[in-house]
Amino acid sequence: AHQDVPFEKVVEELQPARDLSRNPLFQVVFVLQDTSVQDLQLPGMSLSQVELDTETTRFDLELHMYERENRLRASFIYSTDLFDENTISRMASHFQRLLEAVAENPEQ
């Protein structure tokens, strides 16, 4: 309803406790990159998108989704201080089952 309000204005109005090492309002992020990425061809060179291993996270948990080769891909980036690999693996499995259920019955 208020998508035109700048994030900085929301923070200013709410005045949450500040910690420069953390986002003031949220620690979980979901990113859906809904544009298809095409490899860029220029004379004498070819550029393509690569996935980078991330050593640090800006949030406690991030889920990034994007389409690649006609498939929906997902990657989790998480704080190892808060989550272990098994927890994230279980979370990914639950999320996959949720997406499969939605795809099987999109009207529900």
PDB file of N, CA and C in Angstrom:
ATOM      1  N   ALA A   1       0.812  -1.189   0.000  1.00  0.00           N
ATOM      2  CA  ALA A   1       0.000   0.000   0.000  1.00  0.00           C
ATOM      3  C   ALA A   1       0.860   1.258   0.000  1.00  0.00           C
ATOM      4  N   HIS A   2       2.051   1.181   0.586  1.00  0.00           N
ATOM      5  CA  HIS A   2       2.914   2.362   0.683  1.00  0.00           C
ATOM      6  C   HIS A   2       4.262   2.110   0.012  1.00  0.00           C
ATOM      7  N   GLN A   3       4.221   1.454  -1.141  1.00  0.00           N
ATOM      8  CA  GLN A   3       5.465   1.088  -1.812  1.00  0.00           C
ATOM      9  C   GLN A   3       6.274   2.282  -2.295  1.00  0.00           C
ATOM     10  N   ASP A   4       5.653   3.441  -2.372  1.00  0.00           N
ATOM     11  CA  ASP A   4       6.365   4.634  -2.828  1.00  0.00           C
ATOM     12  C   ASP A   4       7.128   5.333  -1.703  1.00  0.00           C
ATOM     13  N   VAL A   5       6.974   4.863  -0.461  1.00  0.00           N
ATOM     14  CA  VAL A   5       7.672   5.470   0.674  1.00  0.00           C
ATOM     15  C   VAL A   5       9.111   4.950   0.707  1.00  0.00           C
ATOM     16  N   PRO A   6      10.101   5.823   0.695  1.00  0.00           N
ATOM     17  CA  PRO A   6      11.500   5.379   0.737  1.00  0.00           C
ATOM     18  C   PRO A   6      11.812   4.612   2.027  1.00  0.00           C
ATOM     19  N   PHE A   7      12.652   3.599   1.902  1.00  0.00           N
ATOM     20  CA  PHE A   7      13.041   2.769   3.041  1.00  0.00           C
ATOM     21  C   PHE A   7      13.606   3.627   4.173  1.00  0.00           C
ATOM     22  N   GLU A   8      14.428   4.611   3.823  1.00  0.00           N
ATOM     23  CA  GLU A   8      15.037   5.482   4.823  1.00  0.00           C
ATOM     24  C   GLU A   8      13.973   6.221   5.645  1.00  0.00           C
ATOM     25  N   LYS A   9      12.870   6.585   5.002  1.00  0.00           N
ATOM     26  CA  LYS A   9      11.778   7.283   5.698  1.00  0.00           C
ATOM     27  C   LYS A   9      11.097   6.342   6.697  1.00  0.00           C
ATOM     28  N   VAL A  10      10.913   5.077   6.317  1.00  0.00           N
ATOM     29  CA  VAL A  10      10.319   4.088   7.223  1.00  0.00           C
ATOM     30  C   VAL A  10      11.202   3.930   8.455  1.00  0.00           C
ATOM     31  N   VAL A  11      12.512   3.790   8.236  1.00  0.00           N
ATOM     32  CA  VAL A  11      13.453   3.647   9.355  1.00  0.00           C
ATOM     33  C   VAL A  11      13.408   4.885  10.242  1.00  0.00           C
ATOM     34  N   GLU A  12      13.385   6.044   9.619  1.00  0.00           N
ATOM     35  CA  GLU A  12      13.346   7.303  10.383  1.00  0.00           C
ATOM     36  C   GLU A  12      12.093   7.377  11.259  1.00  0.00           C
ATOM     37  N   GLU A  13      10.961   6.983  10.725  1.00  0.00           N
ATOM     38  CA  GLU A  13       9.700   7.053  11.475  1.00  0.00           C
ATOM     39  C   GLU A  13       9.629   6.005  12.581  1.00  0.00           C
ATOM     40  N   LEU A  14      10.127   4.799  12.314  1.00  0.00           N
ATOM     41  CA  LEU A  14      10.054   3.725  13.308  1.00  0.00           C
ATOM     42  C   LEU A  14      11.123   3.843  14.386  1.00  0.00           C
ATOM     43  N   GLN A  15      12.237   4.448  14.042  1.00  0.00           N
ATOM     44  CA  GLN A  15      13.363   4.635  14.956  1.00  0.00           C
ATOM     45  C   GLN A  15      13.746   3.348  15.709  1.00  0.00           C
ATOM     46  N   PRO A  16      14.065   2.290  14.965  1.00  0.00           N
ATOM     47  CA  PRO A  16      14.479   1.058  15.645  1.00  0.00           C
ATOM     48  C   PRO A  16      15.862   1.227  16.264  1.00  0.00           C
ATOM     49  N   ALA A  17      16.185   0.362  17.222  1.00  0.00           N
ATOM     50  CA  ALA A  17      17.543   0.373  17.796  1.00  0.00           C
ATOM     51  C   ALA A  17      18.520   0.117  16.658  1.00  0.00           C
ATOM     52  N   ARG A  18      19.587   0.890  16.600  1.00  0.00           N
ATOM     53  CA  ARG A  18      20.523   0.796  15.480  1.00  0.00           C
ATOM     54  C   ARG A  18      21.755   0.003  15.855  1.00  0.00           C
ATOM     55  N   ASP A  19      22.172  -0.816  14.907  1.00  0.00           N
ATOM     56  CA  ASP A  19      23.400  -1.594  14.993  1.00  0.00           C
ATOM     57  C   ASP A  19      23.951  -1.610  13.580  1.00  0.00           C
ATOM     58  N   LEU A  20      25.098  -0.998  13.361  1.00  0.00           N
ATOM     59  CA  LEU A  20      25.633  -0.856  12.010  1.00  0.00           C
ATOM     60  C   LEU A  20      25.964  -2.184  11.345  1.00  0.00           C
ATOM     61  N   SER A  21      26.028  -3.263  12.114  1.00  0.00           N
ATOM     62  CA  SER A  21      26.335  -4.564  11.524  1.00  0.00           C
ATOM     63  C   SER A  21      25.080  -5.290  11.035  1.00  0.00           C
ATOM     64  N   ARG A  22      23.905  -4.709  11.268  1.00  0.00           N
ATOM     65  CA  ARG A  22      22.650  -5.377  10.900  1.00  0.00           C
ATOM     66  C   ARG A  22      21.695  -4.385  10.246  1.00  0.00           C
ATOM     67  N   ASN A  23      20.805  -4.944   9.429  1.00  0.00           N
ATOM     68  CA  ASN A  23      19.742  -4.141   8.868  1.00  0.00           C
ATOM     69  C   ASN A  23      18.797  -3.741   9.999  1.00  0.00           C
ATOM     70  N   PRO A  24      18.308  -2.518  10.021  1.00  0.00           N
ATOM     71  CA  PRO A  24      17.501  -2.075  11.161  1.00  0.00           C
ATOM     72  C   PRO A  24      16.107  -2.699  11.257  1.00  0.00           C
ATOM     73  N   LEU A  25      15.580  -3.270  10.169  1.00  0.00           N
ATOM     74  CA  LEU A  25      14.199  -3.752  10.202  1.00  0.00           C
ATOM     75  C   LEU A  25      14.012  -5.238   9.918  1.00  0.00           C
ATOM     76  N   PHE A  26      14.878  -5.848   9.164  1.00  0.00           N
ATOM     77  CA  PHE A  26      14.663  -7.253   8.803  1.00  0.00           C
ATOM     78  C   PHE A  26      15.992  -7.964   8.598  1.00  0.00           C
ATOM     79  N   GLN A  27      15.958  -9.289   8.742  1.00  0.00           N
ATOM     80  CA  GLN A  27      17.169 -10.091   8.576  1.00  0.00           C
ATOM     81  C   GLN A  27      16.979 -11.263   7.620  1.00  0.00           C
ATOM     82  N   VAL A  28      15.824 -11.346   6.983  1.00  0.00           N
ATOM     83  CA  VAL A  28      15.556 -12.399   6.005  1.00  0.00           C
ATOM     84  C   VAL A  28      15.151 -11.728   4.706  1.00  0.00           C
ATOM     85  N   VAL A  29      15.751 -12.192   3.588  1.00  0.00           N
ATOM     86  CA  VAL A  29      15.504 -11.577   2.291  1.00  0.00           C
ATOM     87  C   VAL A  29      15.136 -12.653   1.277  1.00  0.00           C
ATOM     88  N   PHE A  30      14.110 -12.376   0.480  1.00  0.00           N
ATOM     89  CA  PHE A  30      13.731 -13.229  -0.647  1.00  0.00           C
ATOM     90  C   PHE A  30      13.879 -12.400  -1.908  1.00  0.00           C
ATOM     91  N   VAL A  31      14.656 -12.899  -2.868  1.00  0.00           N
ATOM     92  CA  VAL A  31      14.881 -12.189  -4.122  1.00  0.00           C
ATOM     93  C   VAL A  31      14.413 -13.081  -5.262  1.00  0.00           C
ATOM     94  N   LEU A  32      13.484 -12.590  -6.079  1.00  0.00           N
ATOM     95  CA  LEU A  32      13.052 -13.300  -7.278  1.00  0.00           C
ATOM     96  C   LEU A  32      13.482 -12.469  -8.466  1.00  0.00           C
ATOM     97  N   GLN A  33      14.484 -12.954  -9.152  1.00  0.00           N
ATOM     98  CA  GLN A  33      14.973 -12.277 -10.353  1.00  0.00           C
ATOM     99  C   GLN A  33      14.121 -12.795 -11.499  1.00  0.00           C
ATOM    100  N   ASP A  34      13.128 -12.010 -11.906  1.00  0.00           N
ATOM    101  CA  ASP A  34      12.164 -12.515 -12.876  1.00  0.00           C
ATOM    102  C   ASP A  34      12.472 -12.130 -14.315  1.00  0.00           C
ATOM    103  N   THR A  35      13.678 -11.723 -14.584  1.00  0.00           N
ATOM    104  CA  THR A  35      14.075 -11.443 -15.956  1.00  0.00           C
ATOM    105  C   THR A  35      15.084 -12.482 -16.391  1.00  0.00           C
ATOM    106  N   SER A  36      14.873 -12.990 -17.569  1.00  0.00           N
ATOM    107  CA  SER A  36      15.781 -13.994 -18.103  1.00  0.00           C
ATOM    108  C   SER A  36      17.109 -13.335 -18.460  1.00  0.00           C
ATOM    109  N   VAL A  37      18.180 -13.931 -18.035  1.00  0.00           N
ATOM    110  CA  VAL A  37      19.511 -13.399 -18.306  1.00  0.00           C
ATOM    111  C   VAL A  37      20.057 -14.082 -19.556  1.00  0.00           C
ATOM    112  N   GLN A  38      20.379 -13.297 -20.537  1.00  0.00           N
ATOM    113  CA  GLN A  38      20.952 -13.821 -21.774  1.00  0.00           C
ATOM    114  C   GLN A  38      22.448 -13.528 -21.782  1.00  0.00           C
ATOM    115  N   ASP A  39      23.208 -14.465 -22.315  1.00  0.00           N
ATOM    116  CA  ASP A  39      24.635 -14.212 -22.468  1.00  0.00           C
ATOM    117  C   ASP A  39      24.820 -13.061 -23.451  1.00  0.00           C
ATOM    118  N   LEU A  40      25.753 -12.192 -23.149  1.00  0.00           N
ATOM    119  CA  LEU A  40      26.002 -11.010 -23.960  1.00  0.00           C
ATOM    120  C   LEU A  40      27.085 -11.318 -24.985  1.00  0.00           C
ATOM    121  N   GLN A  41      26.801 -11.054 -26.238  1.00  0.00           N
ATOM    122  CA  GLN A  41      27.758 -11.266 -27.322  1.00  0.00           C
ATOM    123  C   GLN A  41      28.195  -9.903 -27.867  1.00  0.00           C
ATOM    124  N   LEU A  42      29.480  -9.649 -27.815  1.00  0.00           N
ATOM    125  CA  LEU A  42      30.057  -8.431 -28.370  1.00  0.00           C
ATOM    126  C   LEU A  42      31.152  -8.836 -29.344  1.00  0.00           C
ATOM    127  N   PRO A  43      31.458  -7.982 -30.310  1.00  0.00           N
ATOM    128  CA  PRO A  43      32.519  -8.332 -31.256  1.00  0.00           C
ATOM    129  C   PRO A  43      33.822  -8.678 -30.532  1.00  0.00           C
ATOM    130  N   GLY A  44      34.303  -9.883 -30.735  1.00  0.00           N
ATOM    131  CA  GLY A  44      35.565 -10.304 -30.149  1.00  0.00           C
ATOM    132  C   GLY A  44      35.476 -10.824 -28.732  1.00  0.00           C
ATOM    133  N   MET A  45      34.276 -10.847 -28.140  1.00  0.00           N
ATOM    134  CA  MET A  45      34.165 -11.363 -26.769  1.00  0.00           C
ATOM    135  C   MET A  45      32.760 -11.885 -26.498  1.00  0.00           C
ATOM    136  N   SER A  46      32.683 -12.715 -25.493  1.00  0.00           N
ATOM    137  CA  SER A  46      31.410 -13.266 -25.050  1.00  0.00           C
ATOM    138  C   SER A  46      31.356 -13.176 -23.531  1.00  0.00           C
ATOM    139  N   LEU A  47      30.275 -12.646 -22.994  1.00  0.00           N
ATOM    140  CA  LEU A  47      30.106 -12.511 -21.551  1.00  0.00           C
ATOM    141  C   LEU A  47      28.925 -13.355 -21.108  1.00  0.00           C
ATOM    142  N   SER A  48      29.083 -14.057 -20.002  1.00  0.00           N
ATOM    143  CA  SER A  48      27.971 -14.834 -19.471  1.00  0.00           C
ATOM    144  C   SER A  48      27.939 -14.691 -17.957  1.00  0.00           C
ATOM    145  N   GLN A  49      26.762 -14.910 -17.397  1.00  0.00           N
ATOM    146  CA  GLN A  49      26.582 -14.802 -15.952  1.00  0.00           C
ATOM    147  C   GLN A  49      27.179 -16.030 -15.281  1.00  0.00           C
ATOM    148  N   VAL A  50      27.836 -15.810 -14.165  1.00  0.00           N
ATOM    149  CA  VAL A  50      28.371 -16.915 -13.370  1.00  0.00           C
ATOM    150  C   VAL A  50      27.853 -16.776 -11.946  1.00  0.00           C
ATOM    151  N   GLU A  51      27.717 -17.908 -11.285  1.00  0.00           N
ATOM    152  CA  GLU A  51      27.314 -17.888  -9.887  1.00  0.00           C
ATOM    153  C   GLU A  51      28.568 -17.801  -9.035  1.00  0.00           C
ATOM    154  N   LEU A  52      28.556 -16.913  -8.067  1.00  0.00           N
ATOM    155  CA  LEU A  52      29.705 -16.724  -7.197  1.00  0.00           C
ATOM    156  C   LEU A  52      29.445 -17.362  -5.844  1.00  0.00           C
ATOM    157  N   ASP A  53      30.460 -18.002  -5.302  1.00  0.00           N
ATOM    158  CA  ASP A  53      30.363 -18.480  -3.933  1.00  0.00           C
ATOM    159  C   ASP A  53      30.482 -17.273  -3.016  1.00  0.00           C
ATOM    160  N   THR A  54      29.572 -17.166  -2.079  1.00  0.00           N
ATOM    161  CA  THR A  54      29.558 -16.024  -1.179  1.00  0.00           C
ATOM    162  C   THR A  54      30.052 -16.451   0.189  1.00  0.00           C
ATOM    163  N   GLU A  55      31.054 -15.781   0.679  1.00  0.00           N
ATOM    164  CA  GLU A  55      31.630 -16.104   1.983  1.00  0.00           C
ATOM    165  C   GLU A  55      30.924 -15.387   3.126  1.00  0.00           C
ATOM    166  N   THR A  56      30.288 -14.273   2.818  1.00  0.00           N
ATOM    167  CA  THR A  56      29.605 -13.518   3.870  1.00  0.00           C
ATOM    168  C   THR A  56      28.185 -13.215   3.416  1.00  0.00           C
ATOM    169  N   THR A  57      27.326 -12.979   4.372  1.00  0.00           N
ATOM    170  CA  THR A  57      25.950 -12.609   4.071  1.00  0.00           C
ATOM    171  C   THR A  57      25.636 -11.274   4.723  1.00  0.00           C
ATOM    172  N   ARG A  58      24.818 -10.511   4.062  1.00  0.00           N
ATOM    173  CA  ARG A  58      24.404  -9.218   4.614  1.00  0.00           C
ATOM    174  C   ARG A  58      23.236  -9.377   5.576  1.00  0.00           C
ATOM    175  N   PHE A  59      22.597 -10.558   5.534  1.00  0.00           N
ATOM    176  CA  PHE A  59      21.423 -10.832   6.357  1.00  0.00           C
ATOM    177  C   PHE A  59      21.589 -12.200   7.005  1.00  0.00           C
ATOM    178  N   ASP A  60      20.697 -12.535   7.919  1.00  0.00           N
ATOM    179  CA  ASP A  60      20.756 -13.860   8.541  1.00  0.00           C
ATOM    180  C   ASP A  60      20.459 -14.951   7.525  1.00  0.00           C
ATOM    181  N   LEU A  61      19.518 -14.671   6.619  1.00  0.00           N
ATOM    182  CA  LEU A  61      19.110 -15.663   5.625  1.00  0.00           C
ATOM    183  C   LEU A  61      18.665 -14.959   4.357  1.00  0.00           C
ATOM    184  N   GLU A  62      19.172 -15.434   3.224  1.00  0.00           N
ATOM    185  CA  GLU A  62      18.766 -14.913   1.917  1.00  0.00           C
ATOM    186  C   GLU A  62      18.383 -16.093   1.034  1.00  0.00           C
ATOM    187  N   LEU A  63      17.287 -15.948   0.302  1.00  0.00           N
ATOM    188  CA  LEU A  63      16.899 -16.924  -0.715  1.00  0.00           C
ATOM    189  C   LEU A  63      16.813 -16.178  -2.032  1.00  0.00           C
ATOM    190  N   HIS A  64      17.648 -16.573  -2.979  1.00  0.00           N
ATOM    191  CA  HIS A  64      17.677 -15.955  -4.301  1.00  0.00           C
ATOM    192  C   HIS A  64      17.137 -16.960  -5.305  1.00  0.00           C
ATOM    193  N   MET A  65      16.184 -16.531  -6.131  1.00  0.00           N
ATOM    194  CA  MET A  65      15.626 -17.397  -7.166  1.00  0.00           C
ATOM    195  C   MET A  65      15.715 -16.686  -8.506  1.00  0.00           C
ATOM    196  N   TYR A  66      15.990 -17.490  -9.540  1.00  0.00           N
ATOM    197  CA  TYR A  66      16.094 -16.944 -10.883  1.00  0.00           C
ATOM    198  C   TYR A  66      15.856 -18.060 -11.889  1.00  0.00           C
ATOM    199  N   GLU A  67      15.513 -17.665 -13.113  1.00  0.00           N
ATOM    200  CA  GLU A  67      15.303 -18.640 -14.175  1.00  0.00           C
ATOM    201  C   GLU A  67      16.577 -18.765 -14.998  1.00  0.00           C
ATOM    202  N   ARG A  68      16.954 -19.999 -15.266  1.00  0.00           N
ATOM    203  CA  ARG A  68      18.141 -20.266 -16.084  1.00  0.00           C
ATOM    204  C   ARG A  68      17.897 -21.564 -16.829  1.00  0.00           C
ATOM    205  N   GLU A  69      18.070 -21.550 -18.136  1.00  0.00           N
ATOM    206  CA  GLU A  69      17.883 -22.734 -18.977  1.00  0.00           C
ATOM    207  C   GLU A  69      16.496 -23.342 -18.765  1.00  0.00           C
ATOM    208  N   ASN A  70      15.468 -22.484 -18.744  1.00  0.00           N
ATOM    209  CA  ASN A  70      14.068 -22.885 -18.579  1.00  0.00           C
ATOM    210  C   ASN A  70      13.784 -23.614 -17.277  1.00  0.00           C
ATOM    211  N   ARG A  71      14.578 -23.377 -16.276  1.00  0.00           N
ATOM    212  CA  ARG A  71      14.355 -23.965 -14.954  1.00  0.00           C
ATOM    213  C   ARG A  71      14.446 -22.861 -13.912  1.00  0.00           C
ATOM    214  N   LEU A  72      13.707 -23.051 -12.845  1.00  0.00           N
ATOM    215  CA  LEU A  72      13.777 -22.117 -11.732  1.00  0.00           C
ATOM    216  C   LEU A  72      14.887 -22.587 -10.802  1.00  0.00           C
ATOM    217  N   ARG A  73      15.853 -21.736 -10.554  1.00  0.00           N
ATOM    218  CA  ARG A  73      17.001 -22.070  -9.701  1.00  0.00           C
ATOM    219  C   ARG A  73      16.901 -21.285  -8.399  1.00  0.00           C
ATOM    220  N   ALA A  74      17.446 -21.855  -7.349  1.00  0.00           N
ATOM    221  CA  ALA A  74      17.421 -21.178  -6.048  1.00  0.00           C
ATOM    222  C   ALA A  74      18.760 -21.354  -5.358  1.00  0.00           C
ATOM    223  N   SER A  75      19.136 -20.361  -4.601  1.00  0.00           N
ATOM    224  CA  SER A  75      20.333 -20.492  -3.770  1.00  0.00           C
ATOM    225  C   SER A  75      20.067 -19.811  -2.430  1.00  0.00           C
ATOM    226  N   PHE A  76      20.521 -20.470  -1.391  1.00  0.00           N
ATOM    227  CA  PHE A  76      20.401 -19.940  -0.038  1.00  0.00           C
ATOM    228  C   PHE A  76      21.754 -19.390   0.388  1.00  0.00           C
ATOM    229  N   ILE A  77      21.748 -18.230   0.973  1.00  0.00           N
ATOM    230  CA  ILE A  77      22.935 -17.652   1.592  1.00  0.00           C
ATOM    231  C   ILE A  77      22.542 -17.426   3.046  1.00  0.00           C
ATOM    232  N   TYR A  78      23.365 -17.889   3.961  1.00  0.00           N
ATOM    233  CA  TYR A  78      22.940 -17.849   5.360  1.00  0.00           C
ATOM    234  C   TYR A  78      24.115 -17.654   6.300  1.00  0.00           C
ATOM    235  N   SER A  79      23.775 -17.187   7.484  1.00  0.00           N
ATOM    236  CA  SER A  79      24.767 -16.997   8.532  1.00  0.00           C
ATOM    237  C   SER A  79      25.066 -18.349   9.168  1.00  0.00           C
ATOM    238  N   THR A  80      26.317 -18.763   9.101  1.00  0.00           N
ATOM    239  CA  THR A  80      26.701 -20.044   9.712  1.00  0.00           C
ATOM    240  C   THR A  80      26.741 -19.945  11.233  1.00  0.00           C
ATOM    241  N   ASP A  81      26.658 -18.739  11.763  1.00  0.00           N
ATOM    242  CA  ASP A  81      26.537 -18.576  13.215  1.00  0.00           C
ATOM    243  C   ASP A  81      25.140 -18.968  13.694  1.00  0.00           C
ATOM    244  N   LEU A  82      24.157 -18.904  12.791  1.00  0.00           N
ATOM    245  CA  LEU A  82      22.767 -19.170  13.160  1.00  0.00           C
ATOM    246  C   LEU A  82      22.219 -20.481  12.605  1.00  0.00           C
ATOM    247  N   PHE A  83      22.703 -20.890  11.432  1.00  0.00           N
ATOM    248  CA  PHE A  83      22.175 -22.072  10.757  1.00  0.00           C
ATOM    249  C   PHE A  83      23.310 -23.018  10.405  1.00  0.00           C
ATOM    250  N   ASP A  84      23.008 -24.326  10.443  1.00  0.00           N
ATOM    251  CA  ASP A  84      23.985 -25.279   9.919  1.00  0.00           C
ATOM    252  C   ASP A  84      23.489 -25.800   8.571  1.00  0.00           C
ATOM    253  N   GLU A  85      24.348 -26.511   7.867  1.00  0.00           N
ATOM    254  CA  GLU A  85      24.029 -26.971   6.519  1.00  0.00           C
ATOM    255  C   GLU A  85      22.797 -27.874   6.501  1.00  0.00           C
ATOM    256  N   ASN A  86      22.638 -28.731   7.511  1.00  0.00           N
ATOM    257  CA  ASN A  86      21.480 -29.624   7.562  1.00  0.00           C
ATOM    258  C   ASN A  86      20.170 -28.847   7.688  1.00  0.00           C
ATOM    259  N   THR A  87      20.174 -27.800   8.480  1.00  0.00           N
ATOM    260  CA  THR A  87      18.970 -26.981   8.641  1.00  0.00           C
ATOM    261  C   THR A  87      18.580 -26.334   7.320  1.00  0.00           C
ATOM    262  N   ILE A  88      19.550 -25.773   6.630  1.00  0.00           N
ATOM    263  CA  ILE A  88      19.277 -25.120   5.348  1.00  0.00           C
ATOM    264  C   ILE A  88      18.837 -26.153   4.320  1.00  0.00           C
ATOM    265  N   SER A  89      19.430 -27.329   4.342  1.00  0.00           N
ATOM    266  CA  SER A  89      19.039 -28.401   3.426  1.00  0.00           C
ATOM    267  C   SER A  89      17.580 -28.804   3.652  1.00  0.00           C
ATOM    268  N   ARG A  90      17.189 -28.942   4.916  1.00  0.00           N
ATOM    269  CA  ARG A  90      15.789 -29.263   5.231  1.00  0.00           C
ATOM    270  C   ARG A  90      14.865 -28.133   4.778  1.00  0.00           C
ATOM    271  N   MET A  91      15.280 -26.902   5.019  1.00  0.00           N
ATOM    272  CA  MET A  91      14.487 -25.751   4.602  1.00  0.00           C
ATOM    273  C   MET A  91      14.301 -25.761   3.079  1.00  0.00           C
ATOM    274  N   ALA A  92      15.358 -26.051   2.356  1.00  0.00           N
ATOM    275  CA  ALA A  92      15.293 -26.103   0.894  1.00  0.00           C
ATOM    276  C   ALA A  92      14.355 -27.214   0.434  1.00  0.00           C
ATOM    277  N   SER A  93      14.402 -28.362   1.099  1.00  0.00           N
ATOM    278  CA  SER A  93      13.512 -29.476   0.742  1.00  0.00           C
ATOM    279  C   SER A  93      12.050 -29.107   0.972  1.00  0.00           C
ATOM    280  N   HIS A  94      11.764 -28.476   2.099  1.00  0.00           N
ATOM    281  CA  HIS A  94      10.389 -28.044   2.379  1.00  0.00           C
ATOM    282  C   HIS A  94       9.926 -27.019   1.342  1.00  0.00           C
ATOM    283  N   PHE A  95      10.797 -26.106   0.995  1.00  0.00           N
ATOM    284  CA  PHE A  95      10.445 -25.078   0.018  1.00  0.00           C
ATOM    285  C   PHE A  95      10.197 -25.713  -1.346  1.00  0.00           C
ATOM    286  N   GLN A  96      11.013 -26.692  -1.715  1.00  0.00           N
ATOM    287  CA  GLN A  96      10.827 -27.390  -2.988  1.00  0.00           C
ATOM    288  C   GLN A  96       9.472 -28.099  -3.012  1.00  0.00           C
ATOM    289  N   ARG A  97       9.111 -28.772  -1.926  1.00  0.00           N
ATOM    290  CA  ARG A  97       7.806 -29.444  -1.859  1.00  0.00           C
ATOM    291  C   ARG A  97       6.662 -28.432  -1.973  1.00  0.00           C
ATOM    292  N   LEU A  98       6.825 -27.285  -1.347  1.00  0.00           N
ATOM    293  CA  LEU A  98       5.816 -26.235  -1.447  1.00  0.00           C
ATOM    294  C   LEU A  98       5.646 -25.789  -2.898  1.00  0.00           C
ATOM    295  N   LEU A  99       6.746 -25.539  -3.591  1.00  0.00           N
ATOM    296  CA  LEU A  99       6.679 -25.108  -4.991  1.00  0.00           C
ATOM    297  C   LEU A  99       6.061 -26.184  -5.871  1.00  0.00           C
ATOM    298  N   GLU A 100       6.402 -27.452  -5.619  1.00  0.00           N
ATOM    299  CA  GLU A 100       5.815 -28.554  -6.387  1.00  0.00           C
ATOM    300  C   GLU A 100       4.306 -28.616  -6.175  1.00  0.00           C
ATOM    301  N   ALA A 101       3.851 -28.442  -4.932  1.00  0.00           N
ATOM    302  CA  ALA A 101       2.416 -28.465  -4.636  1.00  0.00           C
ATOM    303  C   ALA A 101       1.697 -27.311  -5.332  1.00  0.00           C
ATOM    304  N   VAL A 102       2.302 -26.142  -5.337  1.00  0.00           N
ATOM    305  CA  VAL A 102       1.712 -24.987  -6.017  1.00  0.00           C
ATOM    306  C   VAL A 102       1.624 -25.250  -7.516  1.00  0.00           C
ATOM    307  N   ALA A 103       2.670 -25.829  -8.095  1.00  0.00           N
ATOM    308  CA  ALA A 103       2.683 -26.110  -9.531  1.00  0.00           C
ATOM    309  C   ALA A 103       1.647 -27.167  -9.904  1.00  0.00           C
ATOM    310  N   GLU A 104       1.427 -28.143  -9.024  1.00  0.00           N
ATOM    311  CA  GLU A 104       0.458 -29.205  -9.294  1.00  0.00           C
ATOM    312  C   GLU A 104      -0.979 -28.707  -9.185  1.00  0.00           C
ATOM    313  N   ASN A 105      -1.226 -27.738  -8.338  1.00  0.00           N
ATOM    314  CA  ASN A 105      -2.581 -27.249  -8.121  1.00  0.00           C
ATOM    315  C   ASN A 105      -2.571 -25.722  -7.992  1.00  0.00           C
ATOM    316  N   PRO A 106      -2.353 -25.015  -9.098  1.00  0.00           N
ATOM    317  CA  PRO A 106      -2.204 -23.557  -9.027  1.00  0.00           C
ATOM    318  C   PRO A 106      -3.482 -22.808  -8.655  1.00  0.00           C
ATOM    319  N   GLU A 107      -4.641 -23.456  -8.763  1.00  0.00           N
ATOM    320  CA  GLU A 107      -5.910 -22.790  -8.439  1.00  0.00           C
ATOM    321  C   GLU A 107      -6.194 -22.764  -6.947  1.00  0.00           C
ATOM    322  N   GLN A 108      -5.501 -23.569  -6.177  1.00  0.00           N
ATOM    323  CA  GLN A 108      -5.785 -23.666  -4.746  1.00  0.00           C
ATOM    324  C   GLN A 108      -5.080 -22.598  -3.953  1.00  0.00           C
TER     325      GLN A 108
END
